[in-house]
C-alpha atoms as a PDB file:
ATOM      1  CA  MET A   1      -4.620  52.079  18.941  1.00  0.00           C
ATOM      2  CA  GLY A   2      -2.968  53.807  21.927  1.00  0.00           C
ATOM      3  CA  ILE A   3      -0.744  56.796  21.811  1.00  0.00           C
ATOM      4  CA  LYS A   4       2.854  56.123  22.733  1.00  0.00           C
ATOM      5  CA  ILE A   5       4.280  58.689  25.122  1.00  0.00           C
ATOM      6  CA  THR A   6       8.004  58.955  25.608  1.00  0.00           C
ATOM      7  CA  ASP A   7       9.464  60.949  28.444  1.00  0.00           C
ATOM      8  CA  ARG A   8      12.749  62.618  27.796  1.00  0.00           C
ATOM      9  CA  LEU A   9      14.814  64.050  30.579  1.00  0.00           C
ATOM     10  CA  THR A  10      16.597  67.236  29.618  1.00  0.00           C
ATOM     11  CA  ALA A  11      20.002  68.219  30.926  1.00  0.00           C
ATOM     12  CA  GLU A  12      18.242  70.629  33.299  1.00  0.00           C
ATOM     13  CA  GLY A  13      15.969  67.811  34.480  1.00  0.00           C
ATOM     14  CA  ARG A  14      18.953  65.534  35.171  1.00  0.00           C
ATOM     15  CA  LYS A  15      20.627  68.337  37.105  1.00  0.00           C
ATOM     16  CA  LEU A  16      17.469  68.927  39.165  1.00  0.00           C
ATOM     17  CA  ASN A  17      17.160  65.203  39.930  1.00  0.00           C
ATOM     18  CA  ALA A  18      20.795  65.071  41.055  1.00  0.00           C
ATOM     19  CA  GLU A  19      20.263  68.066  43.350  1.00  0.00           C
ATOM     20  CA  LEU A  20      17.059  66.547  44.754  1.00  0.00           C
ATOM     21  CA  ALA A  21      18.942  63.338  45.503  1.00  0.00           C
ATOM     22  CA  LYS A  22      21.389  65.330  47.640  1.00  0.00           C
ATOM     23  CA  PHE A  23      18.560  66.237  50.012  1.00  0.00           C
ATOM     24  CA  SER A  24      17.922  62.550  50.653  1.00  0.00           C
ATOM     25  CA  HIS A  25      21.622  61.880  51.371  1.00  0.00           C
ATOM     26  CA  LEU A  26      22.789  65.015  53.179  1.00  0.00           C
ATOM     27  CA  GLN A  27      21.873  66.614  56.477  1.00  0.00           C
ATOM     28  CA  CYS A  28      22.806  69.790  58.319  1.00  0.00           C
ATOM     29  CA  ARG A  29      23.711  69.357  61.993  1.00  0.00           C
ATOM     30  CA  VAL A  30      23.740  72.534  64.027  1.00  0.00           C
ATOM     31  CA  GLY A  31      25.286  72.859  67.458  1.00  0.00           C
ATOM     32  CA  PHE A  32      28.617  71.933  68.955  1.00  0.00           C
ATOM     33  CA  GLN A  33      31.055  69.453  67.468  1.00  0.00           C
ATOM     34  CA  GLU A  34      32.942  67.483  70.074  1.00  0.00           C
ATOM     35  CA  GLY A  35      36.669  68.188  70.084  1.00  0.00           C
ATOM     36  CA  LYS A  36      36.438  71.363  67.974  1.00  0.00           C
ATOM     37  CA  ALA A  37      36.698  73.964  70.775  1.00  0.00           C
ATOM     38  CA  GLN A  38      37.926  73.924  74.353  1.00  0.00           C
ATOM     39  CA  GLU A  39      38.106  76.244  77.311  1.00  0.00           C
ATOM     40  CA  GLU A  40      41.582  77.276  78.459  1.00  0.00           C
ATOM     41  CA  ASP A  41      41.556  74.416  80.984  1.00  0.00           C
ATOM     42  CA  GLY A  42      40.901  71.894  78.194  1.00  0.00           C
ATOM     43  CA  THR A  43      37.203  71.318  78.913  1.00  0.00           C
ATOM     44  CA  ASP A  44      35.371  70.586  75.673  1.00  0.00           C
ATOM     45  CA  ILE A  45      32.863  73.315  74.759  1.00  0.00           C
ATOM     46  CA  ALA A  46      30.439  70.633  73.517  1.00  0.00           C
ATOM     47  CA  SER A  47      30.334  69.235  77.075  1.00  0.00           C
ATOM     48  CA  ILE A  48      29.800  72.682  78.588  1.00  0.00           C
ATOM     49  CA  ALA A  49      26.963  73.332  76.135  1.00  0.00           C
ATOM     50  CA  MET A  50      25.334  70.003  77.020  1.00  0.00           C
ATOM     51  CA  TRP A  51      25.613  70.653  80.774  1.00  0.00           C
ATOM     52  CA  ASN A  52      23.964  74.038  80.333  1.00  0.00           C
ATOM     53  CA  GLU A  53      21.309  72.838  77.890  1.00  0.00           C
ATOM     54  CA  LEU A  54      20.210  69.882  80.020  1.00  0.00           C
ATOM     55  CA  GLY A  55      21.384  70.889  83.486  1.00  0.00           C
ATOM     56  CA  THR A  56      23.345  68.873  86.044  1.00  0.00           C
ATOM     57  CA  ASP A  57      23.112  68.285  89.778  1.00  0.00           C
ATOM     58  CA  THR A  58      24.599  71.749  90.330  1.00  0.00           C
ATOM     59  CA  ILE A  59      23.661  73.656  87.151  1.00  0.00           C
ATOM     60  CA  PRO A  60      20.032  74.415  86.288  1.00  0.00           C
ATOM     61  CA  ALA A  61      18.942  73.600  82.749  1.00  0.00           C
ATOM     62  CA  ARG A  62      19.248  76.562  80.422  1.00  0.00           C
ATOM     63  CA  PRO A  63      17.866  75.129  77.162  1.00  0.00           C
ATOM     64  CA  PHE A  64      19.207  77.685  74.719  1.00  0.00           C
ATOM     65  CA  MET A  65      19.271  75.233  71.800  1.00  0.00           C
ATOM     66  CA  ALA A  66      15.754  73.885  72.347  1.00  0.00           C
ATOM     67  CA  ASP A  67      14.466  77.417  72.964  1.00  0.00           C
ATOM     68  CA  SER A  68      16.048  78.625  69.712  1.00  0.00           C
ATOM     69  CA  VAL A  69      13.860  76.130  67.852  1.00  0.00           C
ATOM     70  CA  ASP A  70      10.768  76.525  70.050  1.00  0.00           C
ATOM     71  CA  LYS A  71      10.836  80.327  69.863  1.00  0.00           C
ATOM     72  CA  HIS A  72      12.018  80.718  66.272  1.00  0.00           C
ATOM     73  CA  GLY A  73      10.942  77.496  64.553  1.00  0.00           C
ATOM     74  CA  SER A  74       8.275  79.180  62.437  1.00  0.00           C
ATOM     75  CA  GLU A  75      10.818  81.757  61.240  1.00  0.00           C
ATOM     76  CA  LEU A  76      13.288  78.990  60.397  1.00  0.00           C
ATOM     77  CA  ARG A  77      10.620  77.043  58.491  1.00  0.00           C
ATOM     78  CA  LYS A  78       9.682  80.202  56.556  1.00  0.00           C
ATOM     79  CA  PHE A  79      13.337  80.884  55.752  1.00  0.00           C
ATOM     80  CA  CYS A  80      13.888  77.316  54.547  1.00  0.00           C
ATOM     81  CA  LYS A  81      10.687  77.391  52.484  1.00  0.00           C
ATOM     82  CA  GLU A  82      11.946  80.537  50.750  1.00  0.00           C
ATOM     83  CA  ARG A  83      15.224  78.762  50.015  1.00  0.00           C
ATOM     84  CA  LEU A  84      13.371  75.754  48.589  1.00  0.00           C
ATOM     85  CA  LYS A  85      11.410  78.089  46.331  1.00  0.00           C
ATOM     86  CA  ARG A  86      14.705  79.445  45.029  1.00  0.00           C
ATOM     87  CA  PHE A  87      15.834  75.836  44.564  1.00  0.00           C
ATOM     88  CA  ALA A  88      12.745  75.089  42.462  1.00  0.00           C
ATOM     89  CA  GLU A  89      13.515  78.183  40.387  1.00  0.00           C
ATOM     90  CA  GLY A  90      17.061  76.904  39.806  1.00  0.00           C
ATOM     91  CA  LYS A  91      18.621  79.797  41.753  1.00  0.00           C
ATOM     92  CA  GLU A  92      20.161  77.767  44.631  1.00  0.00           C
ATOM     93  CA  ASP A  93      21.503  74.232  44.893  1.00  0.00           C
ATOM     94  CA  ALA A  94      20.970  71.717  47.697  1.00  0.00           C
ATOM     95  CA  GLU A  95      24.270  72.340  49.477  1.00  0.00           C
ATOM     96  CA  THR A  96      23.783  76.117  49.381  1.00  0.00           C
ATOM     97  CA  ILE A  97      20.345  75.716  50.949  1.00  0.00           C
ATOM     98  CA  LEU A  98      21.721  73.473  53.698  1.00  0.00           C
ATOM     99  CA  GLN A  99      24.515  75.994  54.364  1.00  0.00           C
ATOM    100  CA  LEU A 100      22.115  78.947  54.497  1.00  0.00           C
ATOM    101  CA  CYS A 101      19.697  77.120  56.785  1.00  0.00           C
ATOM    102  CA  GLY A 102      22.641  76.039  58.968  1.00  0.00           C
ATOM    103  CA  ASN A 103      23.868  79.621  59.264  1.00  0.00           C
ATOM    104  CA  TYR A 104      20.341  80.785  60.062  1.00  0.00           C
ATOM    105  CA  GLN A 105      19.999  78.314  62.937  1.00  0.00           C
ATOM    106  CA  VAL A 106      23.506  79.078  64.245  1.00  0.00           C
ATOM    107  CA  ALA A 107      22.468  82.738  64.504  1.00  0.00           C
ATOM    108  CA  ALA A 108      19.228  81.768  66.281  1.00  0.00           C
ATOM    109  CA  ILE A 109      21.152  79.722  68.872  1.00  0.00           C
ATOM    110  CA  GLN A 110      23.680  82.520  69.386  1.00  0.00           C
ATOM    111  CA  LYS A 111      20.843  85.004  69.829  1.00  0.00           C
ATOM    112  CA  GLU A 112      19.220  82.740  72.413  1.00  0.00           C
ATOM    113  CA  ILE A 113      22.498  82.406  74.347  1.00  0.00           C
ATOM    114  CA  VAL A 114      22.675  86.192  74.610  1.00  0.00           C
ATOM    115  CA  ASN A 115      18.991  87.075  75.033  1.00  0.00           C
ATOM    116  CA  GLY A 116      17.404  83.981  76.587  1.00  0.00           C
ATOM    117  CA  GLN A 117      15.587  84.162  79.901  1.00  0.00           C
ATOM    118  CA  PHE A 118      17.333  81.563  82.067  1.00  0.00           C
ATOM    119  CA  ALA A 119      17.740  80.651  85.715  1.00  0.00           C
ATOM    120  CA  GLU A 120      20.040  83.098  87.448  1.00  0.00           C
ATOM    121  CA  ASN A 121      23.665  82.280  88.160  1.00  0.00           C
ATOM    122  CA  ALA A 122      24.500  81.148  91.661  1.00  0.00           C
ATOM    123  CA  PRO A 123      26.132  83.804  93.864  1.00  0.00           C
ATOM    124  CA  SER A 124      29.396  81.815  93.749  1.00  0.00           C
ATOM    125  CA  THR A 125      29.314  81.867  89.926  1.00  0.00           C
ATOM    126  CA  ILE A 126      28.646  85.601  89.904  1.00  0.00           C
ATOM    127  CA  ARG A 127      31.647  86.168  92.179  1.00  0.00           C
ATOM    128  CA  LYS A 128      33.853  83.893  90.029  1.00  0.00           C
ATOM    129  CA  LYS A 129      33.063  85.437  86.651  1.00  0.00           C
ATOM    130  CA  GLY A 130      32.007  88.904  87.759  1.00  0.00           C
ATOM    131  CA  SER A 131      28.642  88.749  85.973  1.00  0.00           C
ATOM    132  CA  ASP A 132      25.123  87.591  86.691  1.00  0.00           C
ATOM    133  CA  LYS A 133      24.421  86.809  83.000  1.00  0.00           C
ATOM    134  CA  PRO A 134      23.935  83.053  82.486  1.00  0.00           C
ATOM    135  CA  LEU A 135      25.750  81.368  79.583  1.00  0.00           C
ATOM    136  CA  ILE A 136      27.998  84.371  78.951  1.00  0.00           C
ATOM    137  CA  ASP A 137      31.478  84.368  80.401  1.00  0.00           C
ATOM    138  CA  THR A 138      34.263  84.423  77.830  1.00  0.00           C
ATOM    139  CA  GLY A 139      31.949  84.221  74.806  1.00  0.00           C
ATOM    140  CA  ARG A 140      33.700  81.049  73.684  1.00  0.00           C
ATOM    141  CA  MET A 141      30.549  78.898  73.822  1.00  0.00           C
ATOM    142  CA  ARG A 142      28.534  81.381  71.747  1.00  0.00           C
ATOM    143  CA  GLN A 143      31.361  81.589  69.216  1.00  0.00           C
ATOM    144  CA  SER A 144      31.617  77.783  69.068  1.00  0.00           C
ATOM    145  CA  VAL A 145      28.123  77.200  67.674  1.00  0.00           C
ATOM    146  CA  HIS A 146      28.603  75.840  64.163  1.00  0.00           C
ATOM    147  CA  PHE A 147      27.000  73.569  61.629  1.00  0.00           C
ATOM    148  CA  VAL A 148      28.293  70.707  59.571  1.00  0.00           C
ATOM    149  CA  ILE A 149      26.821  69.139  56.473  1.00  0.00           C
ATOM    150  CA  THR A 150      27.218  65.382  56.600  1.00  0.00           C
ATOM    151  CA  SER A 151      25.873  62.266  54.962  1.00  0.00           C
ATOM    152  CA  LYS A 152      22.802  60.841  56.633  1.00  0.00           C
ATOM    153  CA  THR A 153      23.567  57.709  58.594  1.00  0.00           C
END
């Protein structure tokens, strides 16, 4: 005769399962959201960020977003692992972890905008903005880095 085993899910177990399910349905997108910030002339900051990240016919690529991951990816993974440990201990929920990881990556991108080693500005750009520092003019692009938590599509 076999032993009958019955699993019972506690209230804490149901809560944990619900939080785990959020990770499969939610995502954190870090960067620039189209239409959320503009230069004084109306140019969308998301477009300016893309032109600088990828380059154009007249602007050399300055991959501050890719570099923020390439240079700091191991730190970000460590940070997120620590958050997941806190999740397993019941100290943080899924949305809090996504928010904290989003904030962490926003800071890494902003740091890369300020400290990254990029192609120099053209002499005409230096004359126009009065600085030879790439990616820094008004500070609006750096300030426009944000994250959003959305449903996965």
